[in-house]
Each structure stands twice: as structure tokens, then as C-alpha cells.
Amino acid sequence: MSVRTEELFELIRARIVADEFKAGDRLPPERDLAVAYGTNRNTLREAIRRLEQARLVTVRQGQGVTVADFRTRGTLDLLGPFLEHGRDIREKAELLLGLLEPRAQVVEYLVESAGKRGMPEDFDRLDAAAKALREAESKRDARAFVEAQERWLDALVVATHNLALRWVANPFLESIRGMMERALDLVVFEPSLADMAERAIALMRKGDPQAARAITEAFHRDVDEKLRRVLEPASKASVG
């Protein structure tokens, strides 16, 4: 059966982030790629168009398809695929370390904004997410925890009632989801996210969003310190 456009896009993207196709390389001719992947040229061209939209290749008439430098031109959409297919463990560890601070700042801002703008029904939704976090933590179920964390983040975004903020936050939070789904071994159960969420929600309901943000900041300091202890040895490992 012929490979579909989305699958073909993902297959070639994986080879780019794995440095099988390096920046500056020309992709093989259409005919060769179509044969190699068992597809037709129309499907291949659509996949190439997707790669160009993702800033992974450039297409110029008469020059073929050239692989772009995803390290300088890429977006957060590459976080999950790079963690899955990238071959340099040190580089992946450095990437995760670099993500900790902006991730914390985004979530902390969401907590404060949700506390300022949230309605009772928003806080009820946050309570339900905190309950799901509690259940996942009690079972030490990493996958369920990631799903509950996604529910928590989504509820925070909804509670801000800010469409512009939602559009800005969505790509970043989507990258966090992709990262966590591919790195379940990095899930930290202590300190408890459920404890922090419940305390933050209580403060939101009392009309104290700054205090809710403060305990979120303290939580991230503790969690990120644990993650750094795991990631820094890998980020400093020698190459080759």
C-alpha cells in the first residue's frame, strides 16, 4: 500500500532531525524518493510542501530540495521528533535543560492570569484536573500523570479567557506534551504537582493570584532542581 502524505512527511522529518539528511544536503530526486518510499510523486510533492512549511527544507526551481538547518530555523514543533529521533544524547539533554525555565515562566503566568480572570466553573475544571493528578500520583502511573498534566494545563489556558494568550501558549504547551510523552522516565512525582495545584486553586478562589503564582514558582524550583540533577551529567558527556 502506498505511504500517505503525513507518514511520508514524518519519515523524512525523522531522517532530517537524526542528521541522516544534513543541512545543505540535496534530497534525492523525486523519482528516487518515490521509489524508495513506495509512493507516487504527487504524494511526495505534498510531503515536501509540508517539510518546507515546517522550515526543514527549501525548494528552488532548478536547484531541487535542499535540507535546511533545523537547529537555527526550526520551531517548537520539532521538540518531540528531535527527542525521539535525534542521535546526540548530550544535545537532547541540553535542549531539555534549556526548556525548563521558559516552561516554568509560561505556566506561572498562566496560573496568575487564571487566578485573575477565572470564573467558578473554571476553578471547578481545575479541581477536576487536580483530582486526576492526585490519582495518577497515587498509582505512580507516569502516562496517566502526563495525561492529567495536559488536562491541568488546558484548564489553566481556558481559565485565562484570553484568546491571544491561548494562541501564544498553545504551541509551547503542545511541545511540552510531546516532550513528556516521549520522556516518561523524566516524570517527577515528588514534590507533588497535585498538592501544588490544589493549593493554587484555593488561592485563586480567594482572589489571590499572586500567591498562587508564588507557590507555583516554588514548586518549579524544586522540580527543576531534580530534573537538572538527572539531565546535567548527560549534557556534559563527551562526544564520540
Foldseek 3Di string as FASTA:
>chain_A
DADALVVLLLVVLLCDLQCVQDAFHADPDLVVVCVVRVHDSVSVVSSLVVCVVQVQWDQDVPPHIGGHHCVPVGDLVCLLSNLVRHDQLLVNLVVVLVLLVVVLVLVLVLLLLLLQQADPVLLVQLLVLLVQLVVCLVVVPLVSNLVSVLSNSVSSLVSNVDPVSCVVCVSVVVSVSSNSVSCSVLDDPPPPPSVLSVVSSVCSVVSNSVVNSVSSSVVSVVSSVVSCVVRVVSNPDDDD
